Amino acid sequence: MLIEYMNRAMEHAHYEIIEDEEPYYGEIPELPGVWATGETLEACRRNLASALEDWLLFSLMQGMPIPPLDGLEIHPPKRLAA
């Protein structure tokens, strides 16, 4: 389910070119704080996927709500085993 969620989230990504050393900028608007840059569009996509993975795992570990995407919902576990 996590991979499916990540794939759907990446389909929501928006990219633009900015004035920066890494001119490609990408974000997933439905997921606040999930953004990345890269020297190329492909590098930006890889960096964005990595940022998404980190954000998703952190959110789950902290018990934070995960916004639904296209009807797909992920609910944090009540308690994670140590």
PDB file of N, CA and C in Angstrom:
ATOM      1  N   MET A   1       0.808  -1.192   0.000  1.00  0.00           N
ATOM      2  CA  MET A   1       0.000   0.000   0.000  1.00  0.00           C
ATOM      3  C   MET A   1       0.856   1.263   0.000  1.00  0.00           C
ATOM      4  N   LEU A   2       2.008   1.238   0.677  1.00  0.00           N
ATOM      5  CA  LEU A   2       2.876   2.414   0.707  1.00  0.00           C
ATOM      6  C   LEU A   2       3.393   2.751  -0.688  1.00  0.00           C
ATOM      7  N   ILE A   3       3.777   1.737  -1.437  1.00  0.00           N
ATOM      8  CA  ILE A   3       4.293   1.982  -2.785  1.00  0.00           C
ATOM      9  C   ILE A   3       3.196   2.557  -3.674  1.00  0.00           C
ATOM     10  N   GLU A   4       1.989   2.029  -3.551  1.00  0.00           N
ATOM     11  CA  GLU A   4       0.872   2.556  -4.338  1.00  0.00           C
ATOM     12  C   GLU A   4       0.610   4.018  -3.971  1.00  0.00           C
ATOM     13  N   TYR A   5       0.653   4.333  -2.687  1.00  0.00           N
ATOM     14  CA  TYR A   5       0.454   5.715  -2.243  1.00  0.00           C
ATOM     15  C   TYR A   5       1.549   6.612  -2.808  1.00  0.00           C
ATOM     16  N   MET A   6       2.788   6.149  -2.741  1.00  0.00           N
ATOM     17  CA  MET A   6       3.901   6.947  -3.263  1.00  0.00           C
ATOM     18  C   MET A   6       3.752   7.164  -4.763  1.00  0.00           C
ATOM     19  N   ASN A   7       3.350   6.135  -5.497  1.00  0.00           N
ATOM     20  CA  ASN A   7       3.159   6.284  -6.940  1.00  0.00           C
ATOM     21  C   ASN A   7       2.072   7.302  -7.248  1.00  0.00           C
ATOM     22  N   ARG A   8       0.982   7.239  -6.516  1.00  0.00           N
ATOM     23  CA  ARG A   8      -0.107   8.213  -6.728  1.00  0.00           C
ATOM     24  C   ARG A   8       0.352   9.619  -6.375  1.00  0.00           C
ATOM     25  N   ALA A   9       1.098   9.733  -5.280  1.00  0.00           N
ATOM     26  CA  ALA A   9       1.591  11.054  -4.879  1.00  0.00           C
ATOM     27  C   ALA A   9       2.504  11.639  -5.949  1.00  0.00           C
ATOM     28  N   MET A  10       3.373  10.826  -6.526  1.00  0.00           N
ATOM     29  CA  MET A  10       4.275  11.318  -7.566  1.00  0.00           C
ATOM     30  C   MET A  10       3.505  11.746  -8.817  1.00  0.00           C
ATOM     31  N   GLU A  11       2.342  11.161  -9.047  1.00  0.00           N
ATOM     32  CA  GLU A  11       1.507  11.582 -10.175  1.00  0.00           C
ATOM     33  C   GLU A  11       0.934  12.982  -9.946  1.00  0.00           C
ATOM     34  N   HIS A  12       0.891  13.427  -8.685  1.00  0.00           N
ATOM     35  CA  HIS A  12       0.379  14.753  -8.339  1.00  0.00           C
ATOM     36  C   HIS A  12       1.493  15.808  -8.343  1.00  0.00           C
ATOM     37  N   ALA A  13       2.719  15.407  -8.604  1.00  0.00           N
ATOM     38  CA  ALA A  13       3.860  16.326  -8.539  1.00  0.00           C
ATOM     39  C   ALA A  13       3.760  17.408  -9.609  1.00  0.00           C
ATOM     40  N   HIS A  14       4.209  18.602  -9.232  1.00  0.00           N
ATOM     41  CA  HIS A  14       4.304  19.733 -10.148  1.00  0.00           C
ATOM     42  C   HIS A  14       5.761  20.178 -10.174  1.00  0.00           C
ATOM     43  N   TYR A  15       6.236  20.525 -11.353  1.00  0.00           N
ATOM     44  CA  TYR A  15       7.635  20.917 -11.530  1.00  0.00           C
ATOM     45  C   TYR A  15       7.702  22.294 -12.177  1.00  0.00           C
ATOM     46  N   GLU A  16       8.773  23.013 -11.844  1.00  0.00           N
ATOM     47  CA  GLU A  16       9.021  24.294 -12.491  1.00  0.00           C
ATOM     48  C   GLU A  16      10.521  24.556 -12.488  1.00  0.00           C
ATOM     49  N   ILE A  17      10.915  25.511 -13.292  1.00  0.00           N
ATOM     50  CA  ILE A  17      12.320  25.909 -13.337  1.00  0.00           C
ATOM     51  C   ILE A  17      12.457  27.200 -12.540  1.00  0.00           C
ATOM     52  N   ILE A  18      13.447  27.202 -11.641  1.00  0.00           N
ATOM     53  CA  ILE A  18      13.696  28.360 -10.788  1.00  0.00           C
ATOM     54  C   ILE A  18      15.128  28.839 -11.005  1.00  0.00           C
ATOM     55  N   GLU A  19      15.437  30.022 -10.532  1.00  0.00           N
ATOM     56  CA  GLU A  19      16.804  30.529 -10.604  1.00  0.00           C
ATOM     57  C   GLU A  19      17.556  30.024  -9.388  1.00  0.00           C
ATOM     58  N   ASP A  20      18.377  29.000  -9.590  1.00  0.00           N
ATOM     59  CA  ASP A  20      19.100  28.367  -8.496  1.00  0.00           C
ATOM     60  C   ASP A  20      20.189  27.492  -9.098  1.00  0.00           C
ATOM     61  N   GLU A  21      21.125  27.041  -8.276  1.00  0.00           N
ATOM     62  CA  GLU A  21      22.151  26.111  -8.745  1.00  0.00           C
ATOM     63  C   GLU A  21      21.522  24.807  -9.221  1.00  0.00           C
ATOM     64  N   GLU A  22      20.433  24.431  -8.574  1.00  0.00           N
ATOM     65  CA  GLU A  22      19.638  23.278  -9.002  1.00  0.00           C
ATOM     66  C   GLU A  22      18.309  23.842  -9.502  1.00  0.00           C
ATOM     67  N   PRO A  23      18.235  24.109 -10.802  1.00  0.00           N
ATOM     68  CA  PRO A  23      17.110  24.894 -11.325  1.00  0.00           C
ATOM     69  C   PRO A  23      15.764  24.181 -11.417  1.00  0.00           C
ATOM     70  N   TYR A  24      15.739  22.880 -11.244  1.00  0.00           N
ATOM     71  CA  TYR A  24      14.467  22.172 -11.321  1.00  0.00           C
ATOM     72  C   TYR A  24      13.899  22.021  -9.914  1.00  0.00           C
ATOM     73  N   TYR A  25      12.658  22.448  -9.755  1.00  0.00           N
ATOM     74  CA  TYR A  25      11.968  22.404  -8.467  1.00  0.00           C
ATOM     75  C   TYR A  25      10.706  21.570  -8.631  1.00  0.00           C
ATOM     76  N   GLY A  26      10.453  20.679  -7.684  1.00  0.00           N
ATOM     77  CA  GLY A  26       9.254  19.865  -7.718  1.00  0.00           C
ATOM     78  C   GLY A  26       8.613  19.803  -6.348  1.00  0.00           C
ATOM     79  N   GLU A  27       7.294  19.705  -6.344  1.00  0.00           N
ATOM     80  CA  GLU A  27       6.559  19.601  -5.087  1.00  0.00           C
ATOM     81  C   GLU A  27       5.296  18.784  -5.307  1.00  0.00           C
ATOM     82  N   ILE A  28       4.760  18.290  -4.213  1.00  0.00           N
ATOM     83  CA  ILE A  28       3.471  17.603  -4.227  1.00  0.00           C
ATOM     84  C   ILE A  28       2.546  18.468  -3.386  1.00  0.00           C
ATOM     85  N   PRO A  29       1.724  19.294  -4.046  1.00  0.00           N
ATOM     86  CA  PRO A  29       0.928  20.294  -3.316  1.00  0.00           C
ATOM     87  C   PRO A  29       0.030  19.727  -2.215  1.00  0.00           C
ATOM     88  N   GLU A  30      -0.483  18.530  -2.400  1.00  0.00           N
ATOM     89  CA  GLU A  30      -1.374  17.941  -1.398  1.00  0.00           C
ATOM     90  C   GLU A  30      -0.635  17.504  -0.137  1.00  0.00           C
ATOM     91  N   LEU A  31       0.695  17.457  -0.197  1.00  0.00           N
ATOM     92  CA  LEU A  31       1.497  17.002   0.942  1.00  0.00           C
ATOM     93  C   LEU A  31       2.435  18.123   1.367  1.00  0.00           C
ATOM     94  N   PRO A  32       2.006  18.974   2.285  1.00  0.00           N
ATOM     95  CA  PRO A  32       2.816  20.121   2.697  1.00  0.00           C
ATOM     96  C   PRO A  32       4.214  19.712   3.151  1.00  0.00           C
ATOM     97  N   GLY A  33       5.196  20.419   2.633  1.00  0.00           N
ATOM     98  CA  GLY A  33       6.582  20.167   3.009  1.00  0.00           C
ATOM     99  C   GLY A  33       7.296  19.162   2.142  1.00  0.00           C
ATOM    100  N   VAL A  34       6.600  18.550   1.188  1.00  0.00           N
ATOM    101  CA  VAL A  34       7.248  17.573   0.302  1.00  0.00           C
ATOM    102  C   VAL A  34       7.650  18.297  -0.978  1.00  0.00           C
ATOM    103  N   TRP A  35       8.942  18.625  -1.072  1.00  0.00           N
ATOM    104  CA  TRP A  35       9.485  19.313  -2.230  1.00  0.00           C
ATOM    105  C   TRP A  35      10.945  18.923  -2.392  1.00  0.00           C
ATOM    106  N   ALA A  36      11.496  19.215  -3.561  1.00  0.00           N
ATOM    107  CA  ALA A  36      12.903  18.910  -3.827  1.00  0.00           C
ATOM    108  C   ALA A  36      13.377  19.734  -5.020  1.00  0.00           C
ATOM    109  N   THR A  37      14.686  19.778  -5.191  1.00  0.00           N
ATOM    110  CA  THR A  37      15.297  20.418  -6.354  1.00  0.00           C
ATOM    111  C   THR A  37      16.268  19.442  -6.995  1.00  0.00           C
ATOM    112  N   GLY A  38      16.746  19.794  -8.178  1.00  0.00           N
ATOM    113  CA  GLY A  38      17.731  18.958  -8.854  1.00  0.00           C
ATOM    114  C   GLY A  38      18.361  19.688 -10.018  1.00  0.00           C
ATOM    115  N   GLU A  39      19.525  19.211 -10.444  1.00  0.00           N
ATOM    116  CA  GLU A  39      20.212  19.814 -11.583  1.00  0.00           C
ATOM    117  C   GLU A  39      19.507  19.490 -12.892  1.00  0.00           C
ATOM    118  N   THR A  40      18.792  18.361 -12.924  1.00  0.00           N
ATOM    119  CA  THR A  40      18.013  17.969 -14.094  1.00  0.00           C
ATOM    120  C   THR A  40      16.616  17.592 -13.617  1.00  0.00           C
ATOM    121  N   LEU A  41      15.683  17.485 -14.552  1.00  0.00           N
ATOM    122  CA  LEU A  41      14.335  17.089 -14.175  1.00  0.00           C
ATOM    123  C   LEU A  41      14.341  15.694 -13.560  1.00  0.00           C
ATOM    124  N   GLU A  42      15.115  14.789 -14.133  1.00  0.00           N
ATOM    125  CA  GLU A  42      15.163  13.425 -13.598  1.00  0.00           C
ATOM    126  C   GLU A  42      15.764  13.403 -12.188  1.00  0.00           C
ATOM    127  N   ALA A  43      16.800  14.204 -11.955  1.00  0.00           N
ATOM    128  CA  ALA A  43      17.385  14.292 -10.613  1.00  0.00           C
ATOM    129  C   ALA A  43      16.370  14.869  -9.630  1.00  0.00           C
ATOM    130  N   CYS A  44      15.612  15.848 -10.074  1.00  0.00           N
ATOM    131  CA  CYS A  44      14.575  16.435  -9.224  1.00  0.00           C
ATOM    132  C   CYS A  44      13.519  15.382  -8.884  1.00  0.00           C
ATOM    133  N   ARG A  45      13.113  14.585  -9.866  1.00  0.00           N
ATOM    134  CA  ARG A  45      12.120  13.533  -9.623  1.00  0.00           C
ATOM    135  C   ARG A  45      12.638  12.517  -8.600  1.00  0.00           C
ATOM    136  N   ARG A  46      13.904  12.118  -8.736  1.00  0.00           N
ATOM    137  CA  ARG A  46      14.482  11.172  -7.772  1.00  0.00           C
ATOM    138  C   ARG A  46      14.525  11.792  -6.381  1.00  0.00           C
ATOM    139  N   ASN A  47      14.950  13.050  -6.300  1.00  0.00           N
ATOM    140  CA  ASN A  47      15.032  13.728  -5.005  1.00  0.00           C
ATOM    141  C   ASN A  47      13.649  13.900  -4.385  1.00  0.00           C
ATOM    142  N   LEU A  48      12.656  14.172  -5.226  1.00  0.00           N
ATOM    143  CA  LEU A  48      11.296  14.324  -4.726  1.00  0.00           C
ATOM    144  C   LEU A  48      10.763  12.994  -4.201  1.00  0.00           C
ATOM    145  N   ALA A  49      11.038  11.909  -4.901  1.00  0.00           N
ATOM    146  CA  ALA A  49      10.608  10.586  -4.434  1.00  0.00           C
ATOM    147  C   ALA A  49      11.267  10.258  -3.091  1.00  0.00           C
ATOM    148  N   SER A  50      12.520  10.611  -2.932  1.00  0.00           N
ATOM    149  CA  SER A  50      13.216  10.375  -1.670  1.00  0.00           C
ATOM    150  C   SER A  50      12.621  11.238  -0.550  1.00  0.00           C
ATOM    151  N   ALA A  51      12.328  12.504  -0.853  1.00  0.00           N
ATOM    152  CA  ALA A  51      11.713  13.391   0.143  1.00  0.00           C
ATOM    153  C   ALA A  51      10.336  12.863   0.541  1.00  0.00           C
ATOM    154  N   LEU A  52       9.585  12.374  -0.424  1.00  0.00           N
ATOM    155  CA  LEU A  52       8.266  11.797  -0.156  1.00  0.00           C
ATOM    156  C   LEU A  52       8.392  10.592   0.770  1.00  0.00           C
ATOM    157  N   GLU A  53       9.334   9.717   0.479  1.00  0.00           N
ATOM    158  CA  GLU A  53       9.531   8.532   1.313  1.00  0.00           C
ATOM    159  C   GLU A  53       9.880   8.935   2.746  1.00  0.00           C
ATOM    160  N   ASP A  54      10.814   9.871   2.890  1.00  0.00           N
ATOM    161  CA  ASP A  54      11.201  10.337   4.224  1.00  0.00           C
ATOM    162  C   ASP A  54      10.009  10.949   4.954  1.00  0.00           C
ATOM    163  N   TRP A  55       9.247  11.795   4.256  1.00  0.00           N
ATOM    164  CA  TRP A  55       8.087  12.452   4.856  1.00  0.00           C
ATOM    165  C   TRP A  55       7.046  11.432   5.294  1.00  0.00           C
ATOM    166  N   LEU A  56       6.793  10.464   4.450  1.00  0.00           N
ATOM    167  CA  LEU A  56       5.786   9.453   4.746  1.00  0.00           C
ATOM    168  C   LEU A  56       6.197   8.612   5.954  1.00  0.00           C
ATOM    169  N   LEU A  57       7.431   8.144   5.980  1.00  0.00           N
ATOM    170  CA  LEU A  57       7.894   7.325   7.110  1.00  0.00           C
ATOM    171  C   LEU A  57       7.920   8.127   8.410  1.00  0.00           C
ATOM    172  N   PHE A  58       8.393   9.363   8.333  1.00  0.00           N
ATOM    173  CA  PHE A  58       8.413  10.216   9.521  1.00  0.00           C
ATOM    174  C   PHE A  58       6.994  10.430  10.044  1.00  0.00           C
ATOM    175  N   SER A  59       6.074  10.756   9.130  1.00  0.00           N
ATOM    176  CA  SER A  59       4.687  11.002   9.528  1.00  0.00           C
ATOM    177  C   SER A  59       4.074   9.770  10.184  1.00  0.00           C
ATOM    178  N   LEU A  60       4.331   8.606   9.617  1.00  0.00           N
ATOM    179  CA  LEU A  60       3.804   7.370  10.194  1.00  0.00           C
ATOM    180  C   LEU A  60       4.407   7.106  11.568  1.00  0.00           C
ATOM    181  N   MET A  61       5.701   7.304  11.698  1.00  0.00           N
ATOM    182  CA  MET A  61       6.360   7.063  12.987  1.00  0.00           C
ATOM    183  C   MET A  61       5.849   8.014  14.071  1.00  0.00           C
ATOM    184  N   GLN A  62       5.480   9.222  13.672  1.00  0.00           N
ATOM    185  CA  GLN A  62       4.988  10.206  14.633  1.00  0.00           C
ATOM    186  C   GLN A  62       3.484  10.111  14.846  1.00  0.00           C
ATOM    187  N   GLY A  63       2.819   9.222  14.115  1.00  0.00           N
ATOM    188  CA  GLY A  63       1.375   9.077  14.251  1.00  0.00           C
ATOM    189  C   GLY A  63       0.596  10.229  13.641  1.00  0.00           C
ATOM    190  N   MET A  64       1.237  10.947  12.717  1.00  0.00           N
ATOM    191  CA  MET A  64       0.590  12.090  12.083  1.00  0.00           C
ATOM    192  C   MET A  64      -0.357  11.614  10.981  1.00  0.00           C
ATOM    193  N   PRO A  65      -1.417  12.365  10.732  1.00  0.00           N
ATOM    194  CA  PRO A  65      -2.349  11.962   9.672  1.00  0.00           C
ATOM    195  C   PRO A  65      -1.714  12.092   8.291  1.00  0.00           C
ATOM    196  N   ILE A  66      -2.060  11.165   7.417  1.00  0.00           N
ATOM    197  CA  ILE A  66      -1.590  11.156   6.032  1.00  0.00           C
ATOM    198  C   ILE A  66      -2.786  11.549   5.164  1.00  0.00           C
ATOM    199  N   PRO A  67      -2.670  12.641   4.391  1.00  0.00           N
ATOM    200  CA  PRO A  67      -3.802  13.044   3.554  1.00  0.00           C
ATOM    201  C   PRO A  67      -4.144  11.965   2.520  1.00  0.00           C
ATOM    202  N   PRO A  68      -5.427  11.698   2.316  1.00  0.00           N
ATOM    203  CA  PRO A  68      -5.808  10.730   1.281  1.00  0.00           C
ATOM    204  C   PRO A  68      -5.505  11.273  -0.110  1.00  0.00           C
ATOM    205  N   LEU A  69      -5.156  10.387  -1.013  1.00  0.00           N
ATOM    206  CA  LEU A  69      -4.901  10.749  -2.416  1.00  0.00           C
ATOM    207  C   LEU A  69      -5.727   9.847  -3.307  1.00  0.00           C
ATOM    208  N   ASP A  70      -6.574  10.441  -4.118  1.00  0.00           N
ATOM    209  CA  ASP A  70      -7.386   9.682  -5.074  1.00  0.00           C
ATOM    210  C   ASP A  70      -8.131   8.526  -4.399  1.00  0.00           C
ATOM    211  N   GLY A  71      -8.624   8.763  -3.202  1.00  0.00           N
ATOM    212  CA  GLY A  71      -9.376   7.740  -2.483  1.00  0.00           C
ATOM    213  C   GLY A  71      -8.526   6.743  -1.722  1.00  0.00           C
ATOM    214  N   LEU A  72      -7.208   6.825  -1.844  1.00  0.00           N
ATOM    215  CA  LEU A  72      -6.314   5.910  -1.126  1.00  0.00           C
ATOM    216  C   LEU A  72      -5.933   6.534   0.205  1.00  0.00           C
ATOM    217  N   GLU A  73      -6.184   5.799   1.279  1.00  0.00           N
ATOM    218  CA  GLU A  73      -5.884   6.298   2.621  1.00  0.00           C
ATOM    219  C   GLU A  73      -4.890   5.391   3.321  1.00  0.00           C
ATOM    220  N   ILE A  74      -4.010   6.017   4.093  1.00  0.00           N
ATOM    221  CA  ILE A  74      -3.065   5.293   4.941  1.00  0.00           C
ATOM    222  C   ILE A  74      -3.274   5.804   6.351  1.00  0.00           C
ATOM    223  N   HIS A  75      -3.497   4.891   7.264  1.00  0.00           N
ATOM    224  CA  HIS A  75      -3.702   5.274   8.659  1.00  0.00           C
ATOM    225  C   HIS A  75      -2.495   4.826   9.474  1.00  0.00           C
ATOM    226  N   PRO A  76      -1.924   5.751  10.260  1.00  0.00           N
ATOM    227  CA  PRO A  76      -0.800   5.362  11.111  1.00  0.00           C
ATOM    228  C   PRO A  76      -1.225   4.292  12.098  1.00  0.00           C
ATOM    229  N   PRO A  77      -0.335   3.350  12.402  1.00  0.00           N
ATOM    230  CA  PRO A  77      -0.674   2.334  13.405  1.00  0.00           C
ATOM    231  C   PRO A  77      -0.845   3.004  14.766  1.00  0.00           C
ATOM    232  N   LYS A  78      -1.627   2.387  15.603  1.00  0.00           N
ATOM    233  CA  LYS A  78      -1.849   2.925  16.951  1.00  0.00           C
ATOM    234  C   LYS A  78      -0.544   2.945  17.738  1.00  0.00           C
ATOM    235  N   ARG A  79       0.266   1.931  17.535  1.00  0.00           N
ATOM    236  CA  ARG A  79       1.541   1.837  18.254  1.00  0.00           C
ATOM    237  C   ARG A  79       2.522   1.056  17.400  1.00  0.00           C
ATOM    238  N   LEU A  80       3.741   1.557  17.288  1.00  0.00           N
ATOM    239  CA  LEU A  80       4.780   0.848  16.538  1.00  0.00           C
ATOM    240  C   LEU A  80       5.660   0.084  17.509  1.00  0.00           C
ATOM    241  N   ALA A  81       6.018  -1.125  17.130  1.00  0.00           N
ATOM    242  CA  ALA A  81       6.902  -1.932  17.959  1.00  0.00           C
ATOM    243  C   ALA A  81       8.297  -1.349  17.933  1.00  0.00           C
ATOM    244  N   ALA A  82       8.986  -1.384  19.056  1.00  0.00           N
ATOM    245  CA  ALA A  82      10.344  -0.835  19.149  1.00  0.00           C
ATOM    246  C   ALA A  82      11.351  -1.796  18.591  1.00  0.00           C
TER     247      ALA A  82
END
